[in-house]
Amino acid sequence: LCFWAAFAVCVLFTVVAQAQINPFRGSGSRGLSPEDNQLLFDSVARLNAAEPSHAGLSEPWSNPQTGSSGTSTILRVFRSGGMPCHLVRHHVIVAGRPAPDYRLTWCRTPSGEWKTKG
C-alpha cells in the first residue's frame, strides 16, 4: 500500500512539477530533472511520514549534478473534513536560479494515504 501511495505522489508531483516548478519553461531551461523531482518527492514523503507533524518542520533536498535544490516546509497543521492536514511550502532553486515558491495542502485519508487537497 505504501508503495502505491508513494507512486501516486510521484505521478501527481510530475504533473505539479511540470505546471508549477518550471518557471523557465520556454526560456531554454529544462527545469527540474527526473532526479530533482525524485529528491523533491522524497522530501515530501519524509514530511508526510513525520510524527508528530508540526509547523516549521523542514526537509531539504539537493542535487549537486544539476545545481537544483529546495526545501519543503510545513507551514500549518490542521484538520479538514476530519482528516489531519498540513500546508507545505516548496522553495525550489532550479539550476541555481530561484523559482517562485508554491504551496500545497496535504491531507491523510482514512486509508492512511497522503493526498493533495485542491
PDB file of N, CA and C in Angstrom:
ATOM      1  N   LEU A   1       0.833  -1.195   0.000  1.00  0.00           N
ATOM      2  CA  LEU A   1       0.000   0.000   0.000  1.00  0.00           C
ATOM      3  C   LEU A   1       0.874   1.254   0.000  1.00  0.00           C
ATOM      4  N   CYS A   2       1.944   1.235   0.820  1.00  0.00           N
ATOM      5  CA  CYS A   2       2.818   2.408   0.876  1.00  0.00           C
ATOM      6  C   CYS A   2       3.478   2.668  -0.475  1.00  0.00           C
ATOM      7  N   PHE A   3       3.862   1.583  -1.175  1.00  0.00           N
ATOM      8  CA  PHE A   3       4.469   1.753  -2.492  1.00  0.00           C
ATOM      9  C   PHE A   3       3.514   2.465  -3.433  1.00  0.00           C
ATOM     10  N   TRP A   4       2.247   2.035  -3.453  1.00  0.00           N
ATOM     11  CA  TRP A   4       1.281   2.642  -4.366  1.00  0.00           C
ATOM     12  C   TRP A   4       0.988   4.081  -3.985  1.00  0.00           C
ATOM     13  N   ALA A   5       0.965   4.364  -2.671  1.00  0.00           N
ATOM     14  CA  ALA A   5       0.758   5.751  -2.243  1.00  0.00           C
ATOM     15  C   ALA A   5       1.927   6.619  -2.704  1.00  0.00           C
ATOM     16  N   ALA A   6       3.146   6.100  -2.535  1.00  0.00           N
ATOM     17  CA  ALA A   6       4.325   6.851  -2.974  1.00  0.00           C
ATOM     18  C   ALA A   6       4.316   7.023  -4.493  1.00  0.00           C
ATOM     19  N   PHE A   7       3.918   5.969  -5.204  1.00  0.00           N
ATOM     20  CA  PHE A   7       3.831   6.054  -6.662  1.00  0.00           C
ATOM     21  C   PHE A   7       2.829   7.124  -7.079  1.00  0.00           C
ATOM     22  N   ALA A   8       1.674   7.150  -6.410  1.00  0.00           N
ATOM     23  CA  ALA A   8       0.652   8.148  -6.736  1.00  0.00           C
ATOM     24  C   ALA A   8       1.179   9.558  -6.491  1.00  0.00           C
ATOM     25  N   VAL A   9       1.934   9.739  -5.404  1.00  0.00           N
ATOM     26  CA  VAL A   9       2.523  11.045  -5.111  1.00  0.00           C
ATOM     27  C   VAL A   9       3.485  11.436  -6.229  1.00  0.00           C
ATOM     28  N   CYS A  10       4.294  10.491  -6.675  1.00  0.00           N
ATOM     29  CA  CYS A  10       5.250  10.780  -7.753  1.00  0.00           C
ATOM     30  C   CYS A  10       4.540  11.189  -9.034  1.00  0.00           C
ATOM     31  N   VAL A  11       3.487  10.463  -9.374  1.00  0.00           N
ATOM     32  CA  VAL A  11       2.736  10.799 -10.586  1.00  0.00           C
ATOM     33  C   VAL A  11       2.133  12.184 -10.455  1.00  0.00           C
ATOM     34  N   LEU A  12       1.521  12.455  -9.301  1.00  0.00           N
ATOM     35  CA  LEU A  12       0.916  13.761  -9.078  1.00  0.00           C
ATOM     36  C   LEU A  12       1.969  14.855  -9.156  1.00  0.00           C
ATOM     37  N   PHE A  13       3.108  14.644  -8.490  1.00  0.00           N
ATOM     38  CA  PHE A  13       4.124  15.677  -8.476  1.00  0.00           C
ATOM     39  C   PHE A  13       4.753  15.884  -9.842  1.00  0.00           C
ATOM     40  N   THR A  14       4.758  14.867 -10.671  1.00  0.00           N
ATOM     41  CA  THR A  14       5.271  15.063 -12.019  1.00  0.00           C
ATOM     42  C   THR A  14       4.428  16.099 -12.740  1.00  0.00           C
ATOM     43  N   VAL A  15       3.117  15.991 -12.598  1.00  0.00           N
ATOM     44  CA  VAL A  15       2.213  16.968 -13.205  1.00  0.00           C
ATOM     45  C   VAL A  15       2.405  18.326 -12.552  1.00  0.00           C
ATOM     46  N   VAL A  16       2.456  18.343 -11.211  1.00  0.00           N
ATOM     47  CA  VAL A  16       2.650  19.598 -10.481  1.00  0.00           C
ATOM     48  C   VAL A  16       3.986  20.215 -10.867  1.00  0.00           C
ATOM     49  N   ALA A  17       5.006  19.374 -10.949  1.00  0.00           N
ATOM     50  CA  ALA A  17       6.330  19.886 -11.289  1.00  0.00           C
ATOM     51  C   ALA A  17       6.323  20.539 -12.662  1.00  0.00           C
ATOM     52  N   GLN A  18       5.692  19.908 -13.617  1.00  0.00           N
ATOM     53  CA  GLN A  18       5.631  20.487 -14.953  1.00  0.00           C
ATOM     54  C   GLN A  18       4.866  21.797 -14.941  1.00  0.00           C
ATOM     55  N   ALA A  19       3.789  21.855 -14.179  1.00  0.00           N
ATOM     56  CA  ALA A  19       2.917  23.030 -14.192  1.00  0.00           C
ATOM     57  C   ALA A  19       3.417  24.145 -13.294  1.00  0.00           C
ATOM     58  N   GLN A  20       4.038  23.795 -12.147  1.00  0.00           N
ATOM     59  CA  GLN A  20       4.315  24.819 -11.156  1.00  0.00           C
ATOM     60  C   GLN A  20       5.785  25.019 -10.844  1.00  0.00           C
ATOM     61  N   ILE A  21       6.617  24.029 -11.038  1.00  0.00           N
ATOM     62  CA  ILE A  21       8.008  24.163 -10.631  1.00  0.00           C
ATOM     63  C   ILE A  21       8.875  24.691 -11.757  1.00  0.00           C
ATOM     64  N   ASN A  22       8.436  24.617 -12.974  1.00  0.00           N
ATOM     65  CA  ASN A  22       9.267  25.024 -14.091  1.00  0.00           C
ATOM     66  C   ASN A  22       8.921  26.438 -14.545  1.00  0.00           C
ATOM     67  N   PRO A  23       9.396  27.441 -13.812  1.00  0.00           N
ATOM     68  CA  PRO A  23       9.093  28.818 -14.184  1.00  0.00           C
ATOM     69  C   PRO A  23       9.864  29.263 -15.416  1.00  0.00           C
ATOM     70  N   PHE A  24      10.796  28.442 -15.876  1.00  0.00           N
ATOM     71  CA  PHE A  24      11.640  28.811 -17.005  1.00  0.00           C
ATOM     72  C   PHE A  24      11.190  28.156 -18.299  1.00  0.00           C
ATOM     73  N   ARG A  25      10.030  27.543 -18.283  1.00  0.00           N
ATOM     74  CA  ARG A  25       9.516  26.880 -19.479  1.00  0.00           C
ATOM     75  C   ARG A  25       9.491  27.884 -20.633  1.00  0.00           C
ATOM     76  N   GLY A  26      10.043  27.497 -21.749  1.00  0.00           N
ATOM     77  CA  GLY A  26      10.048  28.376 -22.913  1.00  0.00           C
ATOM     78  C   GLY A  26      11.241  29.313 -22.964  1.00  0.00           C
ATOM     79  N   SER A  27      12.096  29.273 -21.927  1.00  0.00           N
ATOM     80  CA  SER A  27      13.251  30.173 -21.932  1.00  0.00           C
ATOM     81  C   SER A  27      14.539  29.423 -22.230  1.00  0.00           C
ATOM     82  N   GLY A  28      14.404  28.156 -22.654  1.00  0.00           N
ATOM     83  CA  GLY A  28      15.597  27.383 -22.959  1.00  0.00           C
ATOM     84  C   GLY A  28      16.065  26.538 -21.797  1.00  0.00           C
ATOM     85  N   SER A  29      15.554  26.748 -20.609  1.00  0.00           N
ATOM     86  CA  SER A  29      15.927  25.944 -19.453  1.00  0.00           C
ATOM     87  C   SER A  29      15.051  24.704 -19.392  1.00  0.00           C
ATOM     88  N   ARG A  30      15.604  23.625 -18.891  1.00  0.00           N
ATOM     89  CA  ARG A  30      14.862  22.375 -18.834  1.00  0.00           C
ATOM     90  C   ARG A  30      14.094  22.204 -17.537  1.00  0.00           C
ATOM     91  N   GLY A  31      14.262  23.060 -16.561  1.00  0.00           N
ATOM     92  CA  GLY A  31      13.554  22.889 -15.294  1.00  0.00           C
ATOM     93  C   GLY A  31      14.171  21.770 -14.478  1.00  0.00           C
ATOM     94  N   LEU A  32      13.368  21.163 -13.607  1.00  0.00           N
ATOM     95  CA  LEU A  32      13.859  20.092 -12.753  1.00  0.00           C
ATOM     96  C   LEU A  32      14.048  18.809 -13.551  1.00  0.00           C
ATOM     97  N   SER A  33      15.143  18.137 -13.267  1.00  0.00           N
ATOM     98  CA  SER A  33      15.411  16.846 -13.901  1.00  0.00           C
ATOM     99  C   SER A  33      14.568  15.770 -13.215  1.00  0.00           C
ATOM    100  N   PRO A  34      14.460  14.597 -13.809  1.00  0.00           N
ATOM    101  CA  PRO A  34      13.759  13.499 -13.123  1.00  0.00           C
ATOM    102  C   PRO A  34      14.371  13.195 -11.756  1.00  0.00           C
ATOM    103  N   GLU A  35      15.693  13.289 -11.644  1.00  0.00           N
ATOM    104  CA  GLU A  35      16.347  13.055 -10.355  1.00  0.00           C
ATOM    105  C   GLU A  35      15.979  14.147  -9.353  1.00  0.00           C
ATOM    106  N   ASP A  36      15.924  15.407  -9.824  1.00  0.00           N
ATOM    107  CA  ASP A  36      15.498  16.514  -8.959  1.00  0.00           C
ATOM    108  C   ASP A  36      14.084  16.258  -8.453  1.00  0.00           C
ATOM    109  N   ASN A  37      13.196  15.873  -9.374  1.00  0.00           N
ATOM    110  CA  ASN A  37      11.815  15.590  -8.982  1.00  0.00           C
ATOM    111  C   ASN A  37      11.759  14.496  -7.927  1.00  0.00           C
ATOM    112  N   GLN A  38      12.560  13.448  -8.090  1.00  0.00           N
ATOM    113  CA  GLN A  38      12.546  12.361  -7.110  1.00  0.00           C
ATOM    114  C   GLN A  38      13.006  12.867  -5.748  1.00  0.00           C
ATOM    115  N   LEU A  39      14.038  13.705  -5.729  1.00  0.00           N
ATOM    116  CA  LEU A  39      14.507  14.274  -4.464  1.00  0.00           C
ATOM    117  C   LEU A  39      13.419  15.126  -3.816  1.00  0.00           C
ATOM    118  N   LEU A  40      12.707  15.907  -4.622  1.00  0.00           N
ATOM    119  CA  LEU A  40      11.589  16.701  -4.113  1.00  0.00           C
ATOM    120  C   LEU A  40      10.504  15.790  -3.556  1.00  0.00           C
ATOM    121  N   PHE A  41      10.138  14.742  -4.305  1.00  0.00           N
ATOM    122  CA  PHE A  41       9.106  13.801  -3.845  1.00  0.00           C
ATOM    123  C   PHE A  41       9.517  13.171  -2.518  1.00  0.00           C
ATOM    124  N   ASP A  42      10.794  12.796  -2.424  1.00  0.00           N
ATOM    125  CA  ASP A  42      11.281  12.161  -1.199  1.00  0.00           C
ATOM    126  C   ASP A  42      11.182  13.107  -0.008  1.00  0.00           C
ATOM    127  N   SER A  43      11.443  14.399  -0.226  1.00  0.00           N
ATOM    128  CA  SER A  43      11.346  15.363   0.882  1.00  0.00           C
ATOM    129  C   SER A  43       9.906  15.469   1.375  1.00  0.00           C
ATOM    130  N   VAL A  44       8.952  15.431   0.451  1.00  0.00           N
ATOM    131  CA  VAL A  44       7.535  15.480   0.830  1.00  0.00           C
ATOM    132  C   VAL A  44       7.141  14.204   1.563  1.00  0.00           C
ATOM    133  N   ALA A  45       7.608  13.065   1.079  1.00  0.00           N
ATOM    134  CA  ALA A  45       7.286  11.793   1.734  1.00  0.00           C
ATOM    135  C   ALA A  45       7.802  11.779   3.169  1.00  0.00           C
ATOM    136  N   ARG A  46       8.996  12.330   3.403  1.00  0.00           N
ATOM    137  CA  ARG A  46       9.534  12.387   4.770  1.00  0.00           C
ATOM    138  C   ARG A  46       8.678  13.290   5.655  1.00  0.00           C
ATOM    139  N   LEU A  47       8.236  14.431   5.117  1.00  0.00           N
ATOM    140  CA  LEU A  47       7.356  15.311   5.894  1.00  0.00           C
ATOM    141  C   LEU A  47       6.045  14.615   6.221  1.00  0.00           C
ATOM    142  N   ASN A  48       5.457  13.954   5.226  1.00  0.00           N
ATOM    143  CA  ASN A  48       4.178  13.287   5.450  1.00  0.00           C
ATOM    144  C   ASN A  48       4.303  12.146   6.456  1.00  0.00           C
ATOM    145  N   ALA A  49       5.466  11.517   6.529  1.00  0.00           N
ATOM    146  CA  ALA A  49       5.668  10.394   7.444  1.00  0.00           C
ATOM    147  C   ALA A  49       6.022  10.842   8.857  1.00  0.00           C
ATOM    148  N   ALA A  50       6.413  12.098   9.021  1.00  0.00           N
ATOM    149  CA  ALA A  50       6.867  12.579  10.334  1.00  0.00           C
ATOM    150  C   ALA A  50       5.720  12.582  11.338  1.00  0.00           C
ATOM    151  N   GLU A  51       5.980  12.012  12.493  1.00  0.00           N
ATOM    152  CA  GLU A  51       5.010  12.029  13.589  1.00  0.00           C
ATOM    153  C   GLU A  51       5.739  12.452  14.852  1.00  0.00           C
ATOM    154  N   PRO A  52       5.280  13.443  15.572  1.00  0.00           N
ATOM    155  CA  PRO A  52       4.141  14.277  15.212  1.00  0.00           C
ATOM    156  C   PRO A  52       4.560  15.348  14.209  1.00  0.00           C
ATOM    157  N   SER A  53       3.615  15.744  13.409  1.00  0.00           N
ATOM    158  CA  SER A  53       3.832  16.803  12.433  1.00  0.00           C
ATOM    159  C   SER A  53       3.674  18.150  13.136  1.00  0.00           C
ATOM    160  N   HIS A  54       4.487  19.124  12.755  1.00  0.00           N
ATOM    161  CA  HIS A  54       4.345  20.454  13.361  1.00  0.00           C
ATOM    162  C   HIS A  54       4.843  21.524  12.397  1.00  0.00           C
ATOM    163  N   ALA A  55       4.299  22.714  12.557  1.00  0.00           N
ATOM    164  CA  ALA A  55       4.719  23.847  11.735  1.00  0.00           C
ATOM    165  C   ALA A  55       6.208  24.082  11.945  1.00  0.00           C
ATOM    166  N   GLY A  56       6.899  24.370  10.867  1.00  0.00           N
ATOM    167  CA  GLY A  56       8.329  24.629  10.924  1.00  0.00           C
ATOM    168  C   GLY A  56       9.190  23.434  10.554  1.00  0.00           C
ATOM    169  N   LEU A  57       8.603  22.251  10.546  1.00  0.00           N
ATOM    170  CA  LEU A  57       9.354  21.055  10.166  1.00  0.00           C
ATOM    171  C   LEU A  57       9.737  21.161   8.694  1.00  0.00           C
ATOM    172  N   SER A  58      11.016  20.980   8.386  1.00  0.00           N
ATOM    173  CA  SER A  58      11.515  21.137   7.014  1.00  0.00           C
ATOM    174  C   SER A  58      12.306  19.918   6.580  1.00  0.00           C
ATOM    175  N   GLU A  59      12.287  19.671   5.291  1.00  0.00           N
ATOM    176  CA  GLU A  59      13.094  18.619   4.677  1.00  0.00           C
ATOM    177  C   GLU A  59      13.780  19.208   3.449  1.00  0.00           C
ATOM    178  N   PRO A  60      15.099  19.357   3.513  1.00  0.00           N
ATOM    179  CA  PRO A  60      15.831  19.885   2.364  1.00  0.00           C
ATOM    180  C   PRO A  60      16.172  18.779   1.364  1.00  0.00           C
ATOM    181  N   TRP A  61      16.445  19.195   0.144  1.00  0.00           N
ATOM    182  CA  TRP A  61      16.961  18.279  -0.874  1.00  0.00           C
ATOM    183  C   TRP A  61      17.927  19.052  -1.755  1.00  0.00           C
ATOM    184  N   SER A  62      18.847  18.333  -2.385  1.00  0.00           N
ATOM    185  CA  SER A  62      19.850  18.989  -3.216  1.00  0.00           C
ATOM    186  C   SER A  62      20.402  17.998  -4.236  1.00  0.00           C
ATOM    187  N   ASN A  63      20.637  18.480  -5.436  1.00  0.00           N
ATOM    188  CA  ASN A  63      21.256  17.672  -6.479  1.00  0.00           C
ATOM    189  C   ASN A  63      22.459  18.441  -7.029  1.00  0.00           C
ATOM    190  N   PRO A  64      23.661  18.127  -6.533  1.00  0.00           N
ATOM    191  CA  PRO A  64      24.851  18.839  -6.995  1.00  0.00           C
ATOM    192  C   PRO A  64      25.100  18.696  -8.498  1.00  0.00           C
ATOM    193  N   GLN A  65      24.610  17.624  -9.098  1.00  0.00           N
ATOM    194  CA  GLN A  65      24.833  17.409 -10.533  1.00  0.00           C
ATOM    195  C   GLN A  65      24.088  18.420 -11.397  1.00  0.00           C
ATOM    196  N   THR A  66      22.918  18.881 -10.935  1.00  0.00           N
ATOM    197  CA  THR A  66      22.132  19.833 -11.731  1.00  0.00           C
ATOM    198  C   THR A  66      22.159  21.248 -11.167  1.00  0.00           C
ATOM    199  N   GLY A  67      22.636  21.393  -9.929  1.00  0.00           N
ATOM    200  CA  GLY A  67      22.604  22.699  -9.280  1.00  0.00           C
ATOM    201  C   GLY A  67      21.234  23.058  -8.740  1.00  0.00           C
ATOM    202  N   SER A  68      20.304  22.102  -8.759  1.00  0.00           N
ATOM    203  CA  SER A  68      18.952  22.343  -8.238  1.00  0.00           C
ATOM    204  C   SER A  68      18.868  21.867  -6.795  1.00  0.00           C
ATOM    205  N   SER A  69      18.020  22.547  -6.027  1.00  0.00           N
ATOM    206  CA  SER A  69      17.845  22.196  -4.622  1.00  0.00           C
ATOM    207  C   SER A  69      16.525  22.783  -4.149  1.00  0.00           C
ATOM    208  N   GLY A  70      16.207  22.508  -2.913  1.00  0.00           N
ATOM    209  CA  GLY A  70      14.991  23.081  -2.363  1.00  0.00           C
ATOM    210  C   GLY A  70      14.742  22.628  -0.949  1.00  0.00           C
ATOM    211  N   THR A  71      13.670  23.157  -0.406  1.00  0.00           N
ATOM    212  CA  THR A  71      13.233  22.810   0.937  1.00  0.00           C
ATOM    213  C   THR A  71      11.720  22.744   0.941  1.00  0.00           C
ATOM    214  N   SER A  72      11.198  21.683   1.531  1.00  0.00           N
ATOM    215  CA  SER A  72       9.759  21.550   1.754  1.00  0.00           C
ATOM    216  C   SER A  72       9.535  21.792   3.240  1.00  0.00           C
ATOM    217  N   THR A  73       8.648  22.731   3.574  1.00  0.00           N
ATOM    218  CA  THR A  73       8.440  23.142   4.960  1.00  0.00           C
ATOM    219  C   THR A  73       6.961  23.146   5.295  1.00  0.00           C
ATOM    220  N   ILE A  74       6.622  22.540   6.434  1.00  0.00           N
ATOM    221  CA  ILE A  74       5.240  22.584   6.910  1.00  0.00           C
ATOM    222  C   ILE A  74       4.988  23.964   7.498  1.00  0.00           C
ATOM    223  N   LEU A  75       3.987  24.659   6.968  1.00  0.00           N
ATOM    224  CA  LEU A  75       3.637  25.996   7.453  1.00  0.00           C
ATOM    225  C   LEU A  75       2.538  25.959   8.501  1.00  0.00           C
ATOM    226  N   ARG A  76       1.627  24.997   8.357  1.00  0.00           N
ATOM    227  CA  ARG A  76       0.469  24.959   9.252  1.00  0.00           C
ATOM    228  C   ARG A  76      -0.038  23.531   9.317  1.00  0.00           C
ATOM    229  N   VAL A  77      -0.450  23.109  10.512  1.00  0.00           N
ATOM    230  CA  VAL A  77      -1.055  21.792  10.730  1.00  0.00           C
ATOM    231  C   VAL A  77      -2.493  22.027  11.167  1.00  0.00           C
ATOM    232  N   PHE A  78      -3.429  21.289  10.563  1.00  0.00           N
ATOM    233  CA  PHE A  78      -4.844  21.493  10.879  1.00  0.00           C
ATOM    234  C   PHE A  78      -5.626  20.249  10.494  1.00  0.00           C
ATOM    235  N   ARG A  79      -6.917  20.271  10.751  1.00  0.00           N
ATOM    236  CA  ARG A  79      -7.811  19.183  10.348  1.00  0.00           C
ATOM    237  C   ARG A  79      -8.814  19.740   9.346  1.00  0.00           C
ATOM    238  N   SER A  80      -9.139  18.921   8.359  1.00  0.00           N
ATOM    239  CA  SER A  80     -10.130  19.298   7.361  1.00  0.00           C
ATOM    240  C   SER A  80     -10.963  18.061   7.048  1.00  0.00           C
ATOM    241  N   GLY A  81     -12.266  18.173   7.224  1.00  0.00           N
ATOM    242  CA  GLY A  81     -13.130  17.023   6.976  1.00  0.00           C
ATOM    243  C   GLY A  81     -12.774  15.836   7.840  1.00  0.00           C
ATOM    244  N   GLY A  82     -12.269  16.100   9.035  1.00  0.00           N
ATOM    245  CA  GLY A  82     -11.874  15.036   9.947  1.00  0.00           C
ATOM    246  C   GLY A  82     -10.510  14.433   9.657  1.00  0.00           C
ATOM    247  N   MET A  83      -9.831  14.923   8.628  1.00  0.00           N
ATOM    248  CA  MET A  83      -8.517  14.384   8.261  1.00  0.00           C
ATOM    249  C   MET A  83      -7.403  15.299   8.762  1.00  0.00           C
ATOM    250  N   PRO A  84      -6.288  14.727   9.230  1.00  0.00           N
ATOM    251  CA  PRO A  84      -5.130  15.557   9.566  1.00  0.00           C
ATOM    252  C   PRO A  84      -4.502  16.087   8.276  1.00  0.00           C
ATOM    253  N   CYS A  85      -4.189  17.373   8.287  1.00  0.00           N
ATOM    254  CA  CYS A  85      -3.642  18.024   7.088  1.00  0.00           C
ATOM    255  C   CYS A  85      -2.485  18.932   7.476  1.00  0.00           C
ATOM    256  N   HIS A  86      -1.680  19.266   6.493  1.00  0.00           N
ATOM    257  CA  HIS A  86      -0.682  20.314   6.669  1.00  0.00           C
ATOM    258  C   HIS A  86      -0.448  21.031   5.347  1.00  0.00           C
ATOM    259  N   LEU A  87      -0.188  22.310   5.485  1.00  0.00           N
ATOM    260  CA  LEU A  87       0.138  23.162   4.345  1.00  0.00           C
ATOM    261  C   LEU A  87       1.656  23.152   4.202  1.00  0.00           C
ATOM    262  N   VAL A  88       2.139  22.804   3.011  1.00  0.00           N
ATOM    263  CA  VAL A  88       3.576  22.696   2.771  1.00  0.00           C
ATOM    264  C   VAL A  88       4.003  23.733   1.734  1.00  0.00           C
ATOM    265  N   ARG A  89       5.044  24.485   2.095  1.00  0.00           N
ATOM    266  CA  ARG A  89       5.649  25.431   1.145  1.00  0.00           C
ATOM    267  C   ARG A  89       6.858  24.739   0.516  1.00  0.00           C
ATOM    268  N   HIS A  90       6.955  24.848  -0.788  1.00  0.00           N
ATOM    269  CA  HIS A  90       8.085  24.284  -1.519  1.00  0.00           C
ATOM    270  C   HIS A  90       8.907  25.438  -2.073  1.00  0.00           C
ATOM    271  N   HIS A  91      10.110  25.571  -1.547  1.00  0.00           N
ATOM    272  CA  HIS A  91      11.063  26.562  -2.052  1.00  0.00           C
ATOM    273  C   HIS A  91      12.023  25.796  -2.954  1.00  0.00           C
ATOM    274  N   VAL A  92      12.108  26.187  -4.218  1.00  0.00           N
ATOM    275  CA  VAL A  92      12.879  25.434  -5.206  1.00  0.00           C
ATOM    276  C   VAL A  92      13.864  26.355  -5.913  1.00  0.00           C
ATOM    277  N   ILE A  93      15.062  25.852  -6.097  1.00  0.00           N
ATOM    278  CA  ILE A  93      16.077  26.530  -6.896  1.00  0.00           C
ATOM    279  C   ILE A  93      16.373  25.611  -8.074  1.00  0.00           C
ATOM    280  N   VAL A  94      16.094  26.084  -9.282  1.00  0.00           N
ATOM    281  CA  VAL A  94      16.262  25.285 -10.496  1.00  0.00           C
ATOM    282  C   VAL A  94      17.557  25.701 -11.183  1.00  0.00           C
ATOM    283  N   ALA A  95      18.502  24.766 -11.243  1.00  0.00           N
ATOM    284  CA  ALA A  95      19.792  25.022 -11.900  1.00  0.00           C
ATOM    285  C   ALA A  95      20.434  26.307 -11.380  1.00  0.00           C
ATOM    286  N   GLY A  96      20.365  26.507 -10.063  1.00  0.00           N
ATOM    287  CA  GLY A  96      20.980  27.664  -9.437  1.00  0.00           C
ATOM    288  C   GLY A  96      20.148  28.927  -9.441  1.00  0.00           C
ATOM    289  N   ARG A  97      18.956  28.886 -10.066  1.00  0.00           N
ATOM    290  CA  ARG A  97      18.100  30.079 -10.140  1.00  0.00           C
ATOM    291  C   ARG A  97      16.851  29.880  -9.298  1.00  0.00           C
ATOM    292  N   PRO A  98      16.565  30.801  -8.367  1.00  0.00           N
ATOM    293  CA  PRO A  98      15.352  30.666  -7.548  1.00  0.00           C
ATOM    294  C   PRO A  98      14.093  30.665  -8.405  1.00  0.00           C
ATOM    295  N   ALA A  99      13.188  29.786  -8.072  1.00  0.00           N
ATOM    296  CA  ALA A  99      11.872  29.715  -8.712  1.00  0.00           C
ATOM    297  C   ALA A  99      10.842  30.212  -7.700  1.00  0.00           C
ATOM    298  N   PRO A 100       9.675  30.621  -8.150  1.00  0.00           N
ATOM    299  CA  PRO A 100       8.646  31.041  -7.189  1.00  0.00           C
ATOM    300  C   PRO A 100       8.286  29.892  -6.245  1.00  0.00           C
ATOM    301  N   ASP A 101       8.096  30.225  -4.971  1.00  0.00           N
ATOM    302  CA  ASP A 101       7.625  29.224  -4.016  1.00  0.00           C
ATOM    303  C   ASP A 101       6.210  28.821  -4.385  1.00  0.00           C
ATOM    304  N   TYR A 102       5.852  27.610  -4.048  1.00  0.00           N
ATOM    305  CA  TYR A 102       4.466  27.215  -4.205  1.00  0.00           C
ATOM    306  C   TYR A 102       4.042  26.447  -2.968  1.00  0.00           C
ATOM    307  N   ARG A 103       2.746  26.371  -2.753  1.00  0.00           N
ATOM    308  CA  ARG A 103       2.188  25.753  -1.550  1.00  0.00           C
ATOM    309  C   ARG A 103       1.152  24.713  -1.943  1.00  0.00           C
ATOM    310  N   LEU A 104       1.208  23.591  -1.247  1.00  0.00           N
ATOM    311  CA  LEU A 104       0.225  22.529  -1.432  1.00  0.00           C
ATOM    312  C   LEU A 104      -0.269  22.073  -0.072  1.00  0.00           C
ATOM    313  N   THR A 105      -1.557  21.794   0.020  1.00  0.00           N
ATOM    314  CA  THR A 105      -2.126  21.214   1.231  1.00  0.00           C
ATOM    315  C   THR A 105      -2.183  19.709   1.049  1.00  0.00           C
ATOM    316  N   TRP A 106      -1.642  18.997   2.018  1.00  0.00           N
ATOM    317  CA  TRP A 106      -1.644  17.535   2.038  1.00  0.00           C
ATOM    318  C   TRP A 106      -2.522  17.063   3.188  1.00  0.00           C
ATOM    319  N   CYS A 107      -3.386  16.085   2.931  1.00  0.00           N
ATOM    320  CA  CYS A 107      -4.243  15.505   3.968  1.00  0.00           C
ATOM    321  C   CYS A 107      -4.107  13.989   3.949  1.00  0.00           C
ATOM    322  N   ARG A 108      -4.118  13.399   5.151  1.00  0.00           N
ATOM    323  CA  ARG A 108      -4.056  11.940   5.263  1.00  0.00           C
ATOM    324  C   ARG A 108      -5.471  11.391   5.254  1.00  0.00           C
ATOM    325  N   THR A 109      -5.758  10.551   4.280  1.00  0.00           N
ATOM    326  CA  THR A 109      -7.092   9.966   4.136  1.00  0.00           C
ATOM    327  C   THR A 109      -7.296   8.890   5.200  1.00  0.00           C
ATOM    328  N   PRO A 110      -8.543   8.472   5.421  1.00  0.00           N
ATOM    329  CA  PRO A 110      -8.795   7.403   6.393  1.00  0.00           C
ATOM    330  C   PRO A 110      -8.015   6.118   6.094  1.00  0.00           C
ATOM    331  N   SER A 111      -7.664   5.884   4.837  1.00  0.00           N
ATOM    332  CA  SER A 111      -6.885   4.682   4.494  1.00  0.00           C
ATOM    333  C   SER A 111      -5.393   4.855   4.789  1.00  0.00           C
ATOM    334  N   GLY A 112      -4.986   6.069   5.203  1.00  0.00           N
ATOM    335  CA  GLY A 112      -3.590   6.322   5.550  1.00  0.00           C
ATOM    336  C   GLY A 112      -2.772   6.949   4.439  1.00  0.00           C
ATOM    337  N   GLU A 113      -3.350   7.121   3.266  1.00  0.00           N
ATOM    338  CA  GLU A 113      -2.638   7.744   2.150  1.00  0.00           C
ATOM    339  C   GLU A 113      -2.636   9.262   2.306  1.00  0.00           C
ATOM    340  N   TRP A 114      -1.536   9.885   1.903  1.00  0.00           N
ATOM    341  CA  TRP A 114      -1.463  11.342   1.864  1.00  0.00           C
ATOM    342  C   TRP A 114      -1.805  11.793   0.456  1.00  0.00           C
ATOM    343  N   LYS A 115      -2.733  12.727   0.372  1.00  0.00           N
ATOM    344  CA  LYS A 115      -3.154  13.254  -0.927  1.00  0.00           C
ATOM    345  C   LYS A 115      -3.211  14.768  -0.857  1.00  0.00           C
ATOM    346  N   THR A 116      -2.995  15.402  -2.005  1.00  0.00           N
ATOM    347  CA  THR A 116      -3.124  16.854  -2.040  1.00  0.00           C
ATOM    348  C   THR A 116      -4.598  17.215  -2.063  1.00  0.00           C
ATOM    349  N   LYS A 117      -4.871  18.328  -1.443  1.00  0.00           N
ATOM    350  CA  LYS A 117      -6.246  18.825  -1.396  1.00  0.00           C
ATOM    351  C   LYS A 117      -6.300  20.071  -2.258  1.00  0.00           C
ATOM    352  N   GLY A 118      -7.152  20.054  -3.265  1.00  0.00           N
ATOM    353  CA  GLY A 118      -7.222  21.158  -4.215  1.00  0.00           C
ATOM    354  C   GLY A 118      -8.180  22.159  -3.876  1.00  0.00           C
TER     355      GLY A 118
END
